[in-house]
Amino acid sequence: MIPAPMMADARLSVGCDVHSVANVIQSIEVFGDRYLERVFTAAERAECAGRARAERLAGRFAAKEAVLKALRVPADVAVPWPTIEVLADSTGAPVVTLTGRAAEYATQVGVERVEVSLSHDDGVALAFAIAIPRTQEQAA
C-alpha cells in the first residue's frame, strides 16, 4: 500500500506542466525505444505515430506530470509513467486512464477520475489536469 494523505475535504485539485518538444526529440535520439517504453504505453506510442510524433508525445508527458501534481503524489512515491495513460477519445479530446500504482494512489486519496487538457505551440507542450474527488455517496 502506498502511503497517501486522504483529501480532508471533497474538492478539486489542479496540476499543470509544460514540456519541451526538443527534450522529447533528444530523449528519443539518446535512449530510443528504452525511453519510449519506459514513459509511454504501447497505445500512446501508436496513437502518437506520424508527422507530429514528438509534439504529441511531449503533450502526453506534460499531461502525466500534471496528473501527478493534481493527485499530489509526494516526490518519494514511485508511480511508473505508463500507469498514467493519455489517449484521445472519438472527438480528439484527451482522456486519462489510471492503472496500477497510479490508480491505487488515486483511490487512496479519494479521487474518482482525472480530466486533462493539452496544448502545443512553438516547441512547447502544456497540460492541465484536474483531480475530481469521489462524492460522499460514492465513498459509502
N, C-alpha and C. Protein backbone atom coordinates (compact mmCIF):
# COMPACT_ATOMS: atom_id res chain seq x y z
N MET A 1 0.83 -1.18 0.00
CA MET A 1 0.00 0.00 0.00
C MET A 1 0.88 1.25 0.00
N ILE A 2 0.53 2.21 -0.81
CA ILE A 2 1.29 3.45 -0.92
C ILE A 2 0.82 4.40 0.17
N PRO A 3 1.71 4.96 0.99
CA PRO A 3 1.27 5.96 1.97
C PRO A 3 0.74 7.19 1.25
N ALA A 4 -0.49 7.55 1.59
CA ALA A 4 -1.09 8.69 0.91
C ALA A 4 -1.98 9.45 1.87
N PRO A 5 -1.90 10.78 1.84
CA PRO A 5 -2.80 11.58 2.66
C PRO A 5 -4.20 11.54 2.05
N MET A 6 -5.20 11.40 2.88
CA MET A 6 -6.58 11.45 2.39
C MET A 6 -6.95 12.91 2.21
N MET A 7 -7.74 13.20 1.19
CA MET A 7 -8.20 14.56 0.98
C MET A 7 -9.13 14.90 2.15
N ALA A 8 -8.81 15.95 2.85
CA ALA A 8 -9.58 16.34 4.02
C ALA A 8 -11.00 16.74 3.65
N ASP A 9 -11.16 17.32 2.49
CA ASP A 9 -12.48 17.71 2.04
C ASP A 9 -12.60 17.38 0.56
N ALA A 10 -13.83 17.23 0.10
CA ALA A 10 -14.06 16.90 -1.30
C ALA A 10 -13.89 18.16 -2.14
N ARG A 11 -12.74 18.31 -2.75
CA ARG A 11 -12.50 19.48 -3.58
C ARG A 11 -11.65 19.07 -4.78
N LEU A 12 -11.72 19.88 -5.78
CA LEU A 12 -10.91 19.65 -6.95
C LEU A 12 -9.46 19.99 -6.64
N SER A 13 -8.56 19.30 -7.32
CA SER A 13 -7.14 19.60 -7.19
C SER A 13 -6.59 19.75 -8.61
N VAL A 14 -5.79 20.79 -8.83
CA VAL A 14 -5.32 21.10 -10.17
C VAL A 14 -3.81 20.93 -10.25
N GLY A 15 -3.34 20.46 -11.41
CA GLY A 15 -1.91 20.37 -11.69
C GLY A 15 -1.66 20.86 -13.10
N CYS A 16 -0.51 21.43 -13.35
CA CYS A 16 -0.17 21.82 -14.72
C CYS A 16 1.31 21.55 -14.95
N ASP A 17 1.68 21.43 -16.22
CA ASP A 17 3.07 21.20 -16.56
C ASP A 17 3.32 21.64 -17.99
N VAL A 18 4.54 22.04 -18.27
CA VAL A 18 4.99 22.32 -19.63
C VAL A 18 6.17 21.41 -19.92
N HIS A 19 6.29 21.03 -21.19
CA HIS A 19 7.40 20.16 -21.56
C HIS A 19 7.88 20.53 -22.96
N SER A 20 9.16 20.58 -23.11
CA SER A 20 9.78 20.94 -24.38
C SER A 20 9.74 19.78 -25.37
N VAL A 21 9.31 20.06 -26.59
CA VAL A 21 9.32 19.06 -27.66
C VAL A 21 10.76 18.65 -27.94
N ALA A 22 11.69 19.60 -27.85
CA ALA A 22 13.10 19.30 -28.08
C ALA A 22 13.62 18.27 -27.09
N ASN A 23 13.16 18.30 -25.85
CA ASN A 23 13.58 17.31 -24.85
C ASN A 23 13.13 15.91 -25.24
N VAL A 24 11.93 15.80 -25.79
CA VAL A 24 11.44 14.50 -26.24
C VAL A 24 12.28 14.00 -27.41
N ILE A 25 12.55 14.89 -28.35
CA ILE A 25 13.38 14.51 -29.50
C ILE A 25 14.74 14.03 -29.03
N GLN A 26 15.36 14.76 -28.12
CA GLN A 26 16.67 14.39 -27.60
C GLN A 26 16.61 13.05 -26.86
N SER A 27 15.59 12.82 -26.06
CA SER A 27 15.45 11.56 -25.33
C SER A 27 15.31 10.38 -26.29
N ILE A 28 14.55 10.57 -27.36
CA ILE A 28 14.39 9.51 -28.36
C ILE A 28 15.73 9.25 -29.06
N GLU A 29 16.46 10.32 -29.40
CA GLU A 29 17.75 10.16 -30.07
C GLU A 29 18.77 9.44 -29.18
N VAL A 30 18.77 9.77 -27.90
CA VAL A 30 19.76 9.21 -26.99
C VAL A 30 19.38 7.80 -26.51
N PHE A 31 18.12 7.63 -26.12
CA PHE A 31 17.70 6.39 -25.49
C PHE A 31 16.80 5.50 -26.35
N GLY A 32 16.24 6.05 -27.42
CA GLY A 32 15.42 5.27 -28.35
C GLY A 32 14.22 4.60 -27.72
N ASP A 33 14.02 3.34 -28.07
CA ASP A 33 12.85 2.60 -27.60
C ASP A 33 12.83 2.45 -26.08
N ARG A 34 14.01 2.41 -25.46
CA ARG A 34 14.06 2.29 -24.00
C ARG A 34 13.32 3.45 -23.33
N TYR A 35 13.55 4.66 -23.83
CA TYR A 35 12.84 5.84 -23.31
C TYR A 35 11.34 5.72 -23.60
N LEU A 36 11.00 5.44 -24.83
CA LEU A 36 9.59 5.38 -25.22
C LEU A 36 8.82 4.35 -24.41
N GLU A 37 9.40 3.18 -24.20
CA GLU A 37 8.71 2.11 -23.47
C GLU A 37 8.67 2.38 -21.97
N ARG A 38 9.61 3.13 -21.45
CA ARG A 38 9.63 3.45 -20.02
C ARG A 38 8.59 4.50 -19.67
N VAL A 39 8.29 5.38 -20.63
CA VAL A 39 7.41 6.51 -20.34
C VAL A 39 5.99 6.33 -20.89
N PHE A 40 5.86 5.76 -22.07
CA PHE A 40 4.56 5.72 -22.76
C PHE A 40 4.05 4.30 -22.95
N THR A 41 2.73 4.14 -22.89
CA THR A 41 2.14 2.84 -23.16
C THR A 41 2.21 2.55 -24.65
N ALA A 42 2.02 1.29 -25.01
CA ALA A 42 2.01 0.91 -26.43
C ALA A 42 0.92 1.67 -27.17
N ALA A 43 -0.24 1.85 -26.55
CA ALA A 43 -1.34 2.58 -27.19
C ALA A 43 -0.97 4.05 -27.41
N GLU A 44 -0.30 4.66 -26.44
CA GLU A 44 0.14 6.05 -26.60
C GLU A 44 1.15 6.17 -27.74
N ARG A 45 2.10 5.25 -27.78
CA ARG A 45 3.11 5.30 -28.84
C ARG A 45 2.47 5.14 -30.21
N ALA A 46 1.50 4.24 -30.31
CA ALA A 46 0.81 4.03 -31.59
C ALA A 46 -0.01 5.26 -31.98
N GLU A 47 -0.71 5.84 -31.02
CA GLU A 47 -1.55 7.00 -31.32
C GLU A 47 -0.73 8.23 -31.70
N CYS A 48 0.49 8.32 -31.20
CA CYS A 48 1.34 9.48 -31.47
C CYS A 48 2.20 9.32 -32.72
N ALA A 49 2.14 8.17 -33.36
CA ALA A 49 2.98 7.93 -34.54
C ALA A 49 2.63 8.93 -35.64
N GLY A 50 3.61 9.21 -36.47
CA GLY A 50 3.36 10.10 -37.61
C GLY A 50 4.15 11.38 -37.54
N ARG A 51 3.70 12.34 -38.32
CA ARG A 51 4.43 13.58 -38.55
C ARG A 51 4.66 14.40 -37.28
N ALA A 52 3.69 14.51 -36.41
CA ALA A 52 3.82 15.34 -35.21
C ALA A 52 4.12 14.49 -33.97
N ARG A 53 4.84 13.40 -34.16
CA ARG A 53 5.10 12.44 -33.08
C ARG A 53 5.68 13.09 -31.82
N ALA A 54 6.77 13.81 -31.96
CA ALA A 54 7.43 14.39 -30.78
C ALA A 54 6.52 15.38 -30.07
N GLU A 55 5.80 16.18 -30.82
CA GLU A 55 4.88 17.14 -30.22
C GLU A 55 3.78 16.43 -29.43
N ARG A 56 3.23 15.38 -30.00
CA ARG A 56 2.17 14.62 -29.31
C ARG A 56 2.70 13.94 -28.06
N LEU A 57 3.89 13.36 -28.17
CA LEU A 57 4.49 12.71 -27.01
C LEU A 57 4.80 13.73 -25.91
N ALA A 58 5.29 14.90 -26.29
CA ALA A 58 5.57 15.95 -25.30
C ALA A 58 4.29 16.35 -24.57
N GLY A 59 3.19 16.43 -25.30
CA GLY A 59 1.90 16.75 -24.67
C GLY A 59 1.50 15.70 -23.66
N ARG A 60 1.69 14.45 -24.00
CA ARG A 60 1.35 13.37 -23.09
C ARG A 60 2.28 13.35 -21.88
N PHE A 61 3.56 13.65 -22.11
CA PHE A 61 4.48 13.72 -20.98
C PHE A 61 4.05 14.83 -20.02
N ALA A 62 3.74 15.99 -20.56
CA ALA A 62 3.28 17.11 -19.72
C ALA A 62 2.00 16.71 -18.99
N ALA A 63 1.11 15.98 -19.66
CA ALA A 63 -0.14 15.54 -19.02
C ALA A 63 0.15 14.60 -17.85
N LYS A 64 1.08 13.68 -18.04
CA LYS A 64 1.42 12.75 -16.96
C LYS A 64 1.96 13.51 -15.74
N GLU A 65 2.82 14.49 -15.99
CA GLU A 65 3.34 15.33 -14.89
C GLU A 65 2.21 16.11 -14.22
N ALA A 66 1.32 16.67 -15.02
CA ALA A 66 0.19 17.43 -14.47
C ALA A 66 -0.72 16.54 -13.63
N VAL A 67 -0.92 15.31 -14.07
CA VAL A 67 -1.74 14.36 -13.31
C VAL A 67 -1.10 14.08 -11.96
N LEU A 68 0.21 13.82 -11.93
CA LEU A 68 0.90 13.59 -10.67
C LEU A 68 0.73 14.77 -9.72
N LYS A 69 0.81 15.98 -10.27
CA LYS A 69 0.64 17.18 -9.45
C LYS A 69 -0.79 17.32 -8.95
N ALA A 70 -1.75 17.03 -9.80
CA ALA A 70 -3.16 17.12 -9.39
C ALA A 70 -3.48 16.09 -8.31
N LEU A 71 -2.87 14.91 -8.40
CA LEU A 71 -3.06 13.88 -7.38
C LEU A 71 -2.27 14.18 -6.12
N ARG A 72 -1.34 15.12 -6.22
CA ARG A 72 -0.46 15.50 -5.10
C ARG A 72 0.40 14.33 -4.64
N VAL A 73 0.95 13.62 -5.59
CA VAL A 73 1.82 12.48 -5.29
C VAL A 73 3.14 13.01 -4.75
N PRO A 74 3.53 12.59 -3.54
CA PRO A 74 4.80 13.05 -2.98
C PRO A 74 5.98 12.57 -3.83
N ALA A 75 7.06 13.32 -3.80
CA ALA A 75 8.24 13.01 -4.60
C ALA A 75 8.84 11.65 -4.26
N ASP A 76 8.65 11.17 -3.03
CA ASP A 76 9.23 9.89 -2.63
C ASP A 76 8.33 8.69 -2.95
N VAL A 77 7.21 8.92 -3.61
CA VAL A 77 6.32 7.83 -4.01
C VAL A 77 6.51 7.57 -5.50
N ALA A 78 6.89 6.34 -5.83
CA ALA A 78 7.14 5.98 -7.22
C ALA A 78 5.84 5.58 -7.92
N VAL A 79 5.50 6.32 -8.95
CA VAL A 79 4.36 5.99 -9.80
C VAL A 79 4.90 5.86 -11.22
N PRO A 80 4.96 4.64 -11.75
CA PRO A 80 5.52 4.45 -13.09
C PRO A 80 4.74 5.24 -14.15
N TRP A 81 5.49 5.86 -15.07
CA TRP A 81 4.85 6.68 -16.12
C TRP A 81 3.74 5.95 -16.87
N PRO A 82 3.94 4.69 -17.28
CA PRO A 82 2.89 4.04 -18.08
C PRO A 82 1.60 3.76 -17.31
N THR A 83 1.60 3.94 -15.97
CA THR A 83 0.36 3.74 -15.23
C THR A 83 -0.57 4.95 -15.35
N ILE A 84 -0.08 5.98 -16.01
CA ILE A 84 -0.91 7.15 -16.38
C ILE A 84 -0.94 7.16 -17.90
N GLU A 85 -2.07 6.82 -18.47
CA GLU A 85 -2.18 6.75 -19.93
C GLU A 85 -3.08 7.88 -20.42
N VAL A 86 -2.63 8.56 -21.48
CA VAL A 86 -3.38 9.67 -22.06
C VAL A 86 -3.61 9.35 -23.54
N LEU A 87 -4.87 9.11 -23.87
CA LEU A 87 -5.26 8.81 -25.25
C LEU A 87 -6.37 9.77 -25.66
N ALA A 88 -6.64 9.84 -26.93
CA ALA A 88 -7.71 10.70 -27.44
C ALA A 88 -9.00 9.91 -27.57
N ASP A 89 -10.12 10.56 -27.24
CA ASP A 89 -11.41 9.92 -27.47
C ASP A 89 -11.83 10.13 -28.92
N SER A 90 -13.06 9.75 -29.26
CA SER A 90 -13.51 9.83 -30.65
C SER A 90 -13.57 11.26 -31.18
N THR A 91 -13.61 12.25 -30.29
CA THR A 91 -13.63 13.65 -30.73
C THR A 91 -12.23 14.26 -30.77
N GLY A 92 -11.25 13.51 -30.30
CA GLY A 92 -9.88 14.01 -30.24
C GLY A 92 -9.50 14.56 -28.88
N ALA A 93 -10.44 14.62 -27.95
CA ALA A 93 -10.16 15.14 -26.60
C ALA A 93 -9.34 14.12 -25.81
N PRO A 94 -8.38 14.59 -25.02
CA PRO A 94 -7.57 13.66 -24.24
C PRO A 94 -8.34 13.06 -23.09
N VAL A 95 -8.08 11.78 -22.85
CA VAL A 95 -8.72 11.04 -21.76
C VAL A 95 -7.63 10.34 -20.96
N VAL A 96 -7.70 10.46 -19.64
CA VAL A 96 -6.72 9.83 -18.76
C VAL A 96 -7.27 8.52 -18.22
N THR A 97 -6.45 7.48 -18.29
CA THR A 97 -6.76 6.21 -17.65
C THR A 97 -5.63 5.91 -16.67
N LEU A 98 -6.01 5.67 -15.43
CA LEU A 98 -5.03 5.32 -14.40
C LEU A 98 -5.08 3.82 -14.16
N THR A 99 -3.91 3.20 -14.08
CA THR A 99 -3.82 1.78 -13.78
C THR A 99 -2.75 1.58 -12.72
N GLY A 100 -2.64 0.39 -12.22
CA GLY A 100 -1.56 0.05 -11.30
C GLY A 100 -1.43 1.03 -10.15
N ARG A 101 -0.19 1.45 -9.90
CA ARG A 101 0.09 2.31 -8.74
C ARG A 101 -0.59 3.66 -8.83
N ALA A 102 -0.74 4.20 -10.04
CA ALA A 102 -1.44 5.48 -10.18
C ALA A 102 -2.90 5.35 -9.76
N ALA A 103 -3.56 4.28 -10.18
CA ALA A 103 -4.96 4.05 -9.80
C ALA A 103 -5.09 3.79 -8.31
N GLU A 104 -4.15 3.02 -7.77
CA GLU A 104 -4.15 2.72 -6.34
C GLU A 104 -4.01 4.01 -5.53
N TYR A 105 -3.09 4.86 -5.92
CA TYR A 105 -2.88 6.12 -5.21
C TYR A 105 -4.12 7.01 -5.31
N ALA A 106 -4.68 7.13 -6.49
CA ALA A 106 -5.88 7.95 -6.68
C ALA A 106 -7.01 7.47 -5.78
N THR A 107 -7.19 6.16 -5.70
CA THR A 107 -8.23 5.60 -4.83
C THR A 107 -7.96 5.95 -3.37
N GLN A 108 -6.71 5.83 -2.95
CA GLN A 108 -6.36 6.12 -1.56
C GLN A 108 -6.62 7.57 -1.18
N VAL A 109 -6.43 8.49 -2.11
CA VAL A 109 -6.64 9.90 -1.78
C VAL A 109 -8.06 10.36 -2.11
N GLY A 110 -8.90 9.44 -2.55
CA GLY A 110 -10.30 9.77 -2.77
C GLY A 110 -10.62 10.42 -4.11
N VAL A 111 -9.78 10.17 -5.12
CA VAL A 111 -10.02 10.76 -6.44
C VAL A 111 -10.77 9.77 -7.31
N GLU A 112 -11.87 10.23 -7.90
CA GLU A 112 -12.68 9.39 -8.78
C GLU A 112 -12.08 9.29 -10.18
N ARG A 113 -11.67 10.44 -10.71
CA ARG A 113 -11.11 10.48 -12.07
C ARG A 113 -10.29 11.74 -12.23
N VAL A 114 -9.53 11.78 -13.33
CA VAL A 114 -8.72 12.95 -13.64
C VAL A 114 -9.03 13.39 -15.06
N GLU A 115 -9.29 14.66 -15.24
CA GLU A 115 -9.54 15.26 -16.55
C GLU A 115 -8.31 16.05 -16.95
N VAL A 116 -7.98 16.06 -18.24
CA VAL A 116 -6.83 16.81 -18.72
C VAL A 116 -7.16 17.63 -19.96
N SER A 117 -6.37 18.66 -20.16
CA SER A 117 -6.41 19.45 -21.38
C SER A 117 -4.97 19.67 -21.82
N LEU A 118 -4.73 19.54 -23.13
CA LEU A 118 -3.39 19.68 -23.68
C LEU A 118 -3.36 20.80 -24.71
N SER A 119 -2.19 21.40 -24.86
CA SER A 119 -1.99 22.38 -25.92
C SER A 119 -0.52 22.33 -26.35
N HIS A 120 -0.27 22.68 -27.61
CA HIS A 120 1.09 22.70 -28.15
C HIS A 120 1.28 24.00 -28.92
N ASP A 121 2.46 24.60 -28.76
CA ASP A 121 2.77 25.79 -29.55
C ASP A 121 4.26 26.06 -29.50
N ASP A 122 4.83 26.35 -30.63
CA ASP A 122 6.20 26.82 -30.74
C ASP A 122 7.20 25.96 -29.96
N GLY A 123 7.09 24.63 -30.09
CA GLY A 123 8.05 23.73 -29.47
C GLY A 123 7.82 23.44 -28.00
N VAL A 124 6.65 23.82 -27.49
CA VAL A 124 6.33 23.58 -26.08
C VAL A 124 4.95 22.94 -25.99
N ALA A 125 4.84 21.96 -25.10
CA ALA A 125 3.55 21.33 -24.82
C ALA A 125 3.13 21.73 -23.41
N LEU A 126 1.85 21.97 -23.24
CA LEU A 126 1.27 22.40 -21.97
C LEU A 126 0.12 21.48 -21.63
N ALA A 127 0.00 21.13 -20.36
CA ALA A 127 -1.12 20.30 -19.91
C ALA A 127 -1.63 20.78 -18.57
N PHE A 128 -2.94 20.75 -18.42
CA PHE A 128 -3.61 20.98 -17.15
C PHE A 128 -4.36 19.72 -16.79
N ALA A 129 -4.35 19.37 -15.50
CA ALA A 129 -5.09 18.21 -15.02
C ALA A 129 -5.92 18.62 -13.82
N ILE A 130 -7.10 18.06 -13.73
CA ILE A 130 -7.98 18.30 -12.59
C ILE A 130 -8.34 16.95 -11.99
N ALA A 131 -8.00 16.74 -10.72
CA ALA A 131 -8.39 15.53 -10.00
C ALA A 131 -9.76 15.77 -9.39
N ILE A 132 -10.69 14.93 -9.75
CA ILE A 132 -12.08 15.07 -9.29
C ILE A 132 -12.34 14.05 -8.20
N PRO A 133 -12.70 14.52 -7.00
CA PRO A 133 -12.87 13.61 -5.86
C PRO A 133 -14.18 12.80 -5.97
N ARG A 134 -14.16 11.66 -5.30
CA ARG A 134 -15.40 10.89 -5.15
C ARG A 134 -16.35 11.69 -4.29
N THR A 135 -17.62 11.55 -4.55
CA THR A 135 -18.62 12.19 -3.70
C THR A 135 -18.81 11.33 -2.46
N GLN A 136 -19.44 11.88 -1.46
CA GLN A 136 -19.70 11.12 -0.22
C GLN A 136 -20.50 9.86 -0.51
N GLU A 137 -21.44 9.95 -1.45
CA GLU A 137 -22.28 8.79 -1.80
C GLU A 137 -21.42 7.68 -2.41
N GLN A 138 -20.44 8.05 -3.24
CA GLN A 138 -19.58 7.07 -3.88
C GLN A 138 -18.65 6.41 -2.85
N ALA A 139 -18.23 7.18 -1.86
CA ALA A 139 -17.30 6.66 -0.86
C ALA A 139 -17.98 5.67 0.09
N ALA A 140 -19.28 5.79 0.24
CA ALA A 140 -20.01 4.93 1.19
C ALA A 140 -20.23 3.54 0.66
